[in-house]
Amino acid sequence: MNTKGHIGNISPELSELLKYMNNPNAYPVNQSENALIYKIENAVNEVKTNSKWRDEFMIYHLKQREAELRGEQVGEARGEARGEARGRAEGEARGRAEERKENVQNLLRAGVTEDLIAKAFNLPISEVNAIKTQLAN
């Protein structure tokens, strides 16, 4: 249940309370016969006019915001670290692939057979042949 919904039968008192909670500023409290609404309204007004409570709430709110900002900073730092690690891993993989390709090209230039190169580098023969074709062009 929420303040705008209802399922089944609810008491008139609960219905009135939900209407009040949905929009307390627009609710005609002085026309209500529900004592709980008066108690809630008085408590809210007391809190609004109590400077100590207001100051404590503001301090609490500021601390919450500081915690949120710290959380965002930690999250950003973790994300950056993950991104850097991923980028480093991808760069290393590309470097290894490029080095392997250069080694295959050097062996092909030296006259080593495609079959032997494929076995030495654990590559499919088709990849060695593709590198050979690129080398010829």
N, C-alpha and C. Protein backbone atom coordinates (compact mmCIF):
# COMPACT_ATOMS: atom_id res chain seq x y z
N MET A 1 0.85 -1.17 0.00
CA MET A 1 0.00 0.00 0.00
C MET A 1 0.89 1.24 0.00
N ASN A 2 0.46 2.25 -0.71
CA ASN A 2 1.13 3.54 -0.62
C ASN A 2 0.05 4.60 -0.41
N THR A 3 0.45 5.85 -0.30
CA THR A 3 -0.53 6.89 0.04
C THR A 3 -1.55 7.15 -1.05
N LYS A 4 -1.27 6.73 -2.27
CA LYS A 4 -2.21 6.98 -3.36
C LYS A 4 -3.01 5.75 -3.76
N GLY A 5 -2.63 4.60 -3.26
CA GLY A 5 -3.31 3.38 -3.68
C GLY A 5 -4.11 2.77 -2.53
N HIS A 6 -4.95 1.88 -2.90
CA HIS A 6 -5.69 1.13 -1.88
C HIS A 6 -6.21 -0.16 -2.50
N ILE A 7 -6.17 -1.19 -1.71
CA ILE A 7 -6.69 -2.48 -2.14
C ILE A 7 -7.71 -2.91 -1.09
N GLY A 8 -8.88 -3.21 -1.51
CA GLY A 8 -9.90 -3.66 -0.57
C GLY A 8 -10.45 -2.52 0.26
N ASN A 9 -11.08 -2.89 1.31
CA ASN A 9 -11.70 -1.90 2.19
C ASN A 9 -10.72 -1.41 3.23
N ILE A 10 -10.65 -0.11 3.39
CA ILE A 10 -9.84 0.48 4.46
C ILE A 10 -10.76 1.40 5.25
N SER A 11 -10.38 1.60 6.49
CA SER A 11 -11.23 2.42 7.36
C SER A 11 -11.20 3.88 6.91
N PRO A 12 -12.25 4.63 7.24
CA PRO A 12 -12.27 6.05 6.89
C PRO A 12 -11.10 6.81 7.53
N GLU A 13 -10.72 6.40 8.76
CA GLU A 13 -9.59 7.06 9.44
C GLU A 13 -8.29 6.84 8.66
N LEU A 14 -8.06 5.60 8.19
CA LEU A 14 -6.86 5.31 7.42
C LEU A 14 -6.89 6.05 6.08
N SER A 15 -8.05 6.09 5.46
CA SER A 15 -8.19 6.80 4.20
C SER A 15 -7.84 8.28 4.37
N GLU A 16 -8.34 8.87 5.44
CA GLU A 16 -8.06 10.29 5.71
C GLU A 16 -6.58 10.50 5.99
N LEU A 17 -5.98 9.60 6.77
CA LEU A 17 -4.56 9.70 7.08
C LEU A 17 -3.72 9.61 5.81
N LEU A 18 -4.06 8.71 4.91
CA LEU A 18 -3.32 8.58 3.66
C LEU A 18 -3.45 9.83 2.79
N LYS A 19 -4.64 10.42 2.77
CA LYS A 19 -4.81 11.68 2.02
C LYS A 19 -3.94 12.78 2.61
N TYR A 20 -3.90 12.85 3.94
CA TYR A 20 -3.06 13.85 4.62
C TYR A 20 -1.58 13.61 4.28
N MET A 21 -1.14 12.36 4.36
CA MET A 21 0.27 12.04 4.11
C MET A 21 0.66 12.30 2.66
N ASN A 22 -0.28 12.15 1.76
CA ASN A 22 -0.02 12.37 0.35
C ASN A 22 0.32 13.83 0.05
N ASN A 23 -0.33 14.75 0.75
CA ASN A 23 -0.08 16.18 0.52
C ASN A 23 -0.44 16.95 1.79
N PRO A 24 0.42 16.91 2.80
CA PRO A 24 0.07 17.54 4.08
C PRO A 24 -0.13 19.05 4.02
N ASN A 25 0.57 19.73 3.12
CA ASN A 25 0.43 21.19 3.04
C ASN A 25 -0.92 21.62 2.49
N ALA A 26 -1.54 20.78 1.68
CA ALA A 26 -2.83 21.14 1.08
C ALA A 26 -4.00 20.53 1.84
N TYR A 27 -3.72 19.73 2.85
CA TYR A 27 -4.80 19.04 3.56
C TYR A 27 -5.42 19.97 4.60
N PRO A 28 -6.74 20.03 4.65
CA PRO A 28 -7.41 20.91 5.63
C PRO A 28 -7.42 20.27 7.03
N VAL A 29 -6.31 20.40 7.74
CA VAL A 29 -6.15 19.76 9.05
C VAL A 29 -7.22 20.25 10.02
N ASN A 30 -7.54 21.53 10.00
CA ASN A 30 -8.51 22.07 10.95
C ASN A 30 -9.92 21.52 10.74
N GLN A 31 -10.18 20.86 9.61
CA GLN A 31 -11.49 20.26 9.36
C GLN A 31 -11.52 18.77 9.68
N SER A 32 -10.36 18.23 10.07
CA SER A 32 -10.27 16.80 10.32
C SER A 32 -10.78 16.45 11.72
N GLU A 33 -11.34 15.26 11.82
CA GLU A 33 -11.75 14.73 13.12
C GLU A 33 -10.80 13.64 13.59
N ASN A 34 -9.74 13.41 12.82
CA ASN A 34 -8.78 12.36 13.13
C ASN A 34 -7.70 12.92 14.06
N ALA A 35 -7.67 12.43 15.30
CA ALA A 35 -6.73 12.93 16.30
C ALA A 35 -5.28 12.67 15.90
N LEU A 36 -5.03 11.58 15.20
CA LEU A 36 -3.67 11.27 14.80
C LEU A 36 -3.12 12.33 13.84
N ILE A 37 -3.97 12.81 12.96
CA ILE A 37 -3.53 13.86 12.02
C ILE A 37 -3.13 15.11 12.79
N TYR A 38 -3.91 15.48 13.82
CA TYR A 38 -3.56 16.63 14.66
C TYR A 38 -2.21 16.40 15.35
N LYS A 39 -1.99 15.20 15.87
CA LYS A 39 -0.73 14.90 16.56
C LYS A 39 0.45 15.00 15.59
N ILE A 40 0.27 14.44 14.41
CA ILE A 40 1.35 14.49 13.42
C ILE A 40 1.62 15.93 13.01
N GLU A 41 0.57 16.68 12.75
CA GLU A 41 0.73 18.07 12.33
C GLU A 41 1.43 18.88 13.42
N ASN A 42 1.04 18.70 14.68
CA ASN A 42 1.68 19.42 15.78
C ASN A 42 3.14 19.03 15.93
N ALA A 43 3.45 17.73 15.78
CA ALA A 43 4.83 17.28 15.89
C ALA A 43 5.68 17.88 14.76
N VAL A 44 5.14 17.90 13.56
CA VAL A 44 5.86 18.47 12.43
C VAL A 44 6.11 19.96 12.66
N ASN A 45 5.10 20.68 13.11
CA ASN A 45 5.27 22.11 13.37
C ASN A 45 6.29 22.36 14.48
N GLU A 46 6.28 21.50 15.49
CA GLU A 46 7.25 21.64 16.58
C GLU A 46 8.67 21.44 16.05
N VAL A 47 8.85 20.45 15.22
CA VAL A 47 10.17 20.19 14.65
C VAL A 47 10.60 21.36 13.76
N LYS A 48 9.68 21.89 12.98
CA LYS A 48 10.00 23.00 12.08
C LYS A 48 10.44 24.25 12.85
N THR A 49 9.88 24.47 14.01
CA THR A 49 10.18 25.68 14.78
C THR A 49 11.28 25.46 15.83
N ASN A 50 11.74 24.25 16.01
CA ASN A 50 12.76 23.95 17.01
C ASN A 50 14.13 24.12 16.36
N SER A 51 14.84 25.17 16.77
CA SER A 51 16.12 25.47 16.11
C SER A 51 17.16 24.38 16.38
N LYS A 52 17.13 23.76 17.53
CA LYS A 52 18.09 22.69 17.83
C LYS A 52 17.86 21.51 16.89
N TRP A 53 16.63 21.09 16.72
CA TRP A 53 16.33 19.97 15.83
C TRP A 53 16.67 20.34 14.39
N ARG A 54 16.37 21.59 14.00
CA ARG A 54 16.66 22.02 12.65
C ARG A 54 18.17 21.99 12.40
N ASP A 55 18.94 22.48 13.38
CA ASP A 55 20.40 22.46 13.25
C ASP A 55 20.92 21.02 13.17
N GLU A 56 20.39 20.14 14.01
CA GLU A 56 20.81 18.74 13.98
C GLU A 56 20.46 18.09 12.65
N PHE A 57 19.31 18.41 12.12
CA PHE A 57 18.92 17.86 10.82
C PHE A 57 19.85 18.36 9.73
N MET A 58 20.17 19.64 9.77
CA MET A 58 21.06 20.20 8.75
C MET A 58 22.44 19.54 8.83
N ILE A 59 22.94 19.34 10.05
CA ILE A 59 24.24 18.68 10.23
C ILE A 59 24.16 17.25 9.71
N TYR A 60 23.08 16.56 10.05
CA TYR A 60 22.89 15.18 9.57
C TYR A 60 22.86 15.16 8.04
N HIS A 61 22.13 16.10 7.45
CA HIS A 61 22.03 16.17 6.00
C HIS A 61 23.40 16.43 5.37
N LEU A 62 24.18 17.34 5.95
CA LEU A 62 25.51 17.64 5.42
C LEU A 62 26.42 16.42 5.52
N LYS A 63 26.34 15.70 6.64
CA LYS A 63 27.16 14.50 6.79
C LYS A 63 26.76 13.44 5.78
N GLN A 64 25.47 13.30 5.53
CA GLN A 64 25.00 12.35 4.52
C GLN A 64 25.53 12.73 3.15
N ARG A 65 25.49 14.01 2.83
CA ARG A 65 25.97 14.47 1.52
C ARG A 65 27.47 14.23 1.39
N GLU A 66 28.22 14.49 2.48
CA GLU A 66 29.66 14.23 2.47
C GLU A 66 29.93 12.74 2.23
N ALA A 67 29.16 11.89 2.88
CA ALA A 67 29.32 10.44 2.70
C ALA A 67 29.01 10.05 1.26
N GLU A 68 27.98 10.65 0.67
CA GLU A 68 27.65 10.37 -0.72
C GLU A 68 28.80 10.78 -1.64
N LEU A 69 29.37 11.95 -1.38
CA LEU A 69 30.47 12.43 -2.20
C LEU A 69 31.69 11.53 -2.07
N ARG A 70 31.98 11.08 -0.82
CA ARG A 70 33.10 10.15 -0.63
C ARG A 70 32.84 8.86 -1.39
N GLY A 71 31.60 8.39 -1.34
CA GLY A 71 31.24 7.17 -2.06
C GLY A 71 31.42 7.34 -3.56
N GLU A 72 31.02 8.49 -4.07
CA GLU A 72 31.20 8.76 -5.50
C GLU A 72 32.68 8.77 -5.86
N GLN A 73 33.50 9.39 -5.01
CA GLN A 73 34.94 9.45 -5.28
C GLN A 73 35.56 8.06 -5.26
N VAL A 74 35.17 7.24 -4.28
CA VAL A 74 35.69 5.87 -4.22
C VAL A 74 35.25 5.10 -5.46
N GLY A 75 33.97 5.25 -5.84
CA GLY A 75 33.46 4.56 -7.02
C GLY A 75 34.19 4.98 -8.29
N GLU A 76 34.44 6.28 -8.41
CA GLU A 76 35.15 6.77 -9.59
C GLU A 76 36.58 6.23 -9.62
N ALA A 77 37.23 6.22 -8.46
CA ALA A 77 38.61 5.71 -8.40
C ALA A 77 38.66 4.23 -8.77
N ARG A 78 37.70 3.47 -8.25
CA ARG A 78 37.66 2.04 -8.59
C ARG A 78 37.40 1.85 -10.09
N GLY A 79 36.48 2.64 -10.63
CA GLY A 79 36.18 2.54 -12.06
C GLY A 79 37.38 2.90 -12.91
N GLU A 80 38.09 3.95 -12.51
CA GLU A 80 39.29 4.34 -13.26
C GLU A 80 40.34 3.24 -13.19
N ALA A 81 40.53 2.66 -12.00
CA ALA A 81 41.52 1.60 -11.85
C ALA A 81 41.16 0.39 -12.72
N ARG A 82 39.88 0.04 -12.73
CA ARG A 82 39.45 -1.09 -13.57
C ARG A 82 39.66 -0.78 -15.05
N GLY A 83 39.31 0.44 -15.44
CA GLY A 83 39.48 0.84 -16.83
C GLY A 83 40.95 0.84 -17.24
N GLU A 84 41.81 1.34 -16.34
CA GLU A 84 43.24 1.34 -16.64
C GLU A 84 43.77 -0.09 -16.76
N ALA A 85 43.33 -0.95 -15.85
CA ALA A 85 43.78 -2.35 -15.88
C ALA A 85 43.30 -3.03 -17.17
N ARG A 86 42.06 -2.77 -17.54
CA ARG A 86 41.51 -3.37 -18.76
C ARG A 86 42.27 -2.84 -19.98
N GLY A 87 42.53 -1.54 -20.00
CA GLY A 87 43.26 -0.95 -21.13
C GLY A 87 44.68 -1.48 -21.21
N ARG A 88 45.31 -1.63 -20.05
CA ARG A 88 46.67 -2.17 -20.02
C ARG A 88 46.68 -3.60 -20.55
N ALA A 89 45.72 -4.42 -20.10
CA ALA A 89 45.64 -5.82 -20.56
C ALA A 89 45.40 -5.89 -22.06
N GLU A 90 44.50 -5.03 -22.56
CA GLU A 90 44.24 -5.03 -24.01
C GLU A 90 45.47 -4.59 -24.79
N GLY A 91 46.17 -3.58 -24.27
CA GLY A 91 47.38 -3.10 -24.94
C GLY A 91 48.47 -4.17 -24.95
N GLU A 92 48.61 -4.87 -23.81
CA GLU A 92 49.61 -5.94 -23.76
C GLU A 92 49.25 -7.06 -24.73
N ALA A 93 47.96 -7.39 -24.81
CA ALA A 93 47.53 -8.45 -25.74
C ALA A 93 47.81 -8.04 -27.19
N ARG A 94 47.53 -6.79 -27.50
CA ARG A 94 47.81 -6.31 -28.86
C ARG A 94 49.31 -6.35 -29.16
N GLY A 95 50.09 -5.96 -28.15
CA GLY A 95 51.54 -5.97 -28.32
C GLY A 95 52.07 -7.37 -28.56
N ARG A 96 51.54 -8.34 -27.78
CA ARG A 96 51.97 -9.73 -27.98
C ARG A 96 51.57 -10.24 -29.36
N ALA A 97 50.36 -9.88 -29.80
CA ALA A 97 49.90 -10.32 -31.12
C ALA A 97 50.77 -9.71 -32.22
N GLU A 98 51.11 -8.44 -32.06
CA GLU A 98 51.95 -7.77 -33.06
C GLU A 98 53.35 -8.39 -33.08
N GLU A 99 53.87 -8.68 -31.89
CA GLU A 99 55.20 -9.30 -31.81
C GLU A 99 55.18 -10.69 -32.45
N ARG A 100 54.14 -11.46 -32.18
CA ARG A 100 54.00 -12.80 -32.78
C ARG A 100 53.95 -12.68 -34.31
N LYS A 101 53.19 -11.70 -34.80
CA LYS A 101 53.09 -11.51 -36.24
C LYS A 101 54.45 -11.17 -36.85
N GLU A 102 55.19 -10.29 -36.17
CA GLU A 102 56.52 -9.93 -36.67
C GLU A 102 57.45 -11.15 -36.67
N ASN A 103 57.35 -11.97 -35.61
CA ASN A 103 58.19 -13.18 -35.55
C ASN A 103 57.83 -14.15 -36.67
N VAL A 104 56.54 -14.30 -36.93
CA VAL A 104 56.10 -15.18 -38.03
C VAL A 104 56.63 -14.64 -39.35
N GLN A 105 56.54 -13.32 -39.55
CA GLN A 105 57.04 -12.72 -40.79
C GLN A 105 58.54 -12.95 -40.93
N ASN A 106 59.27 -12.78 -39.86
CA ASN A 106 60.73 -12.98 -39.91
C ASN A 106 61.07 -14.43 -40.25
N LEU A 107 60.33 -15.38 -39.67
CA LEU A 107 60.57 -16.79 -39.97
C LEU A 107 60.20 -17.11 -41.42
N LEU A 108 59.12 -16.52 -41.90
CA LEU A 108 58.73 -16.74 -43.30
C LEU A 108 59.82 -16.19 -44.23
N ARG A 109 60.35 -15.02 -43.93
CA ARG A 109 61.43 -14.42 -44.73
C ARG A 109 62.68 -15.32 -44.71
N ALA A 110 62.87 -15.99 -43.56
CA ALA A 110 64.04 -16.87 -43.42
C ALA A 110 63.83 -18.22 -44.09
N GLY A 111 62.62 -18.46 -44.63
CA GLY A 111 62.36 -19.69 -45.37
C GLY A 111 61.83 -20.84 -44.54
N VAL A 112 61.42 -20.58 -43.30
CA VAL A 112 60.85 -21.64 -42.47
C VAL A 112 59.46 -21.96 -43.01
N THR A 113 59.09 -23.23 -43.00
CA THR A 113 57.81 -23.64 -43.58
C THR A 113 56.63 -23.16 -42.71
N GLU A 114 55.51 -22.95 -43.40
CA GLU A 114 54.29 -22.50 -42.71
C GLU A 114 53.85 -23.51 -41.65
N ASP A 115 53.99 -24.78 -41.95
CA ASP A 115 53.58 -25.84 -41.03
C ASP A 115 54.39 -25.78 -39.73
N LEU A 116 55.69 -25.61 -39.86
CA LEU A 116 56.56 -25.55 -38.69
C LEU A 116 56.28 -24.29 -37.87
N ILE A 117 56.05 -23.17 -38.53
CA ILE A 117 55.72 -21.91 -37.83
C ILE A 117 54.40 -22.06 -37.07
N ALA A 118 53.40 -22.66 -37.72
CA ALA A 118 52.10 -22.86 -37.07
C ALA A 118 52.26 -23.68 -35.81
N LYS A 119 53.08 -24.75 -35.88
CA LYS A 119 53.30 -25.60 -34.70
C LYS A 119 54.07 -24.85 -33.62
N ALA A 120 55.07 -24.08 -34.01
CA ALA A 120 55.91 -23.36 -33.04
C ALA A 120 55.12 -22.31 -32.27
N PHE A 121 54.21 -21.63 -32.96
CA PHE A 121 53.44 -20.56 -32.32
C PHE A 121 52.03 -20.98 -31.93
N ASN A 122 51.73 -22.27 -32.14
CA ASN A 122 50.40 -22.80 -31.82
C ASN A 122 49.31 -21.97 -32.52
N LEU A 123 49.53 -21.75 -33.82
CA LEU A 123 48.60 -20.97 -34.64
C LEU A 123 47.95 -21.87 -35.67
N PRO A 124 46.75 -21.55 -36.10
CA PRO A 124 46.18 -22.29 -37.22
C PRO A 124 46.99 -21.97 -38.49
N ILE A 125 47.12 -22.91 -39.33
CA ILE A 125 47.88 -22.73 -40.57
C ILE A 125 47.30 -21.60 -41.40
N SER A 126 45.97 -21.42 -41.30
CA SER A 126 45.32 -20.35 -42.07
C SER A 126 45.82 -18.97 -41.62
N GLU A 127 46.10 -18.81 -40.34
CA GLU A 127 46.60 -17.52 -39.86
C GLU A 127 48.02 -17.28 -40.37
N VAL A 128 48.84 -18.32 -40.37
CA VAL A 128 50.20 -18.19 -40.90
C VAL A 128 50.14 -17.84 -42.38
N ASN A 129 49.23 -18.50 -43.12
CA ASN A 129 49.09 -18.20 -44.54
C ASN A 129 48.60 -16.77 -44.77
N ALA A 130 47.72 -16.27 -43.89
CA ALA A 130 47.23 -14.90 -44.02
C ALA A 130 48.37 -13.91 -43.80
N ILE A 131 49.22 -14.19 -42.84
CA ILE A 131 50.39 -13.32 -42.60
C ILE A 131 51.33 -13.38 -43.80
N LYS A 132 51.51 -14.55 -44.38
CA LYS A 132 52.36 -14.71 -45.56
C LYS A 132 51.82 -13.90 -46.73
N THR A 133 50.48 -13.93 -46.89
CA THR A 133 49.84 -13.15 -47.97
C THR A 133 50.06 -11.65 -47.75
N GLN A 134 49.91 -11.20 -46.52
CA GLN A 134 50.14 -9.77 -46.21
C GLN A 134 51.59 -9.40 -46.49
N LEU A 135 52.49 -10.31 -46.17
CA LEU A 135 53.91 -10.05 -46.37
C LEU A 135 54.24 -9.92 -47.86
N ALA A 136 53.54 -10.70 -48.66
CA ALA A 136 53.78 -10.67 -50.11
C ALA A 136 53.27 -9.39 -50.74
N ASN A 137 52.28 -8.76 -50.13
CA ASN A 137 51.70 -7.53 -50.70
C ASN A 137 52.47 -6.34 -50.31
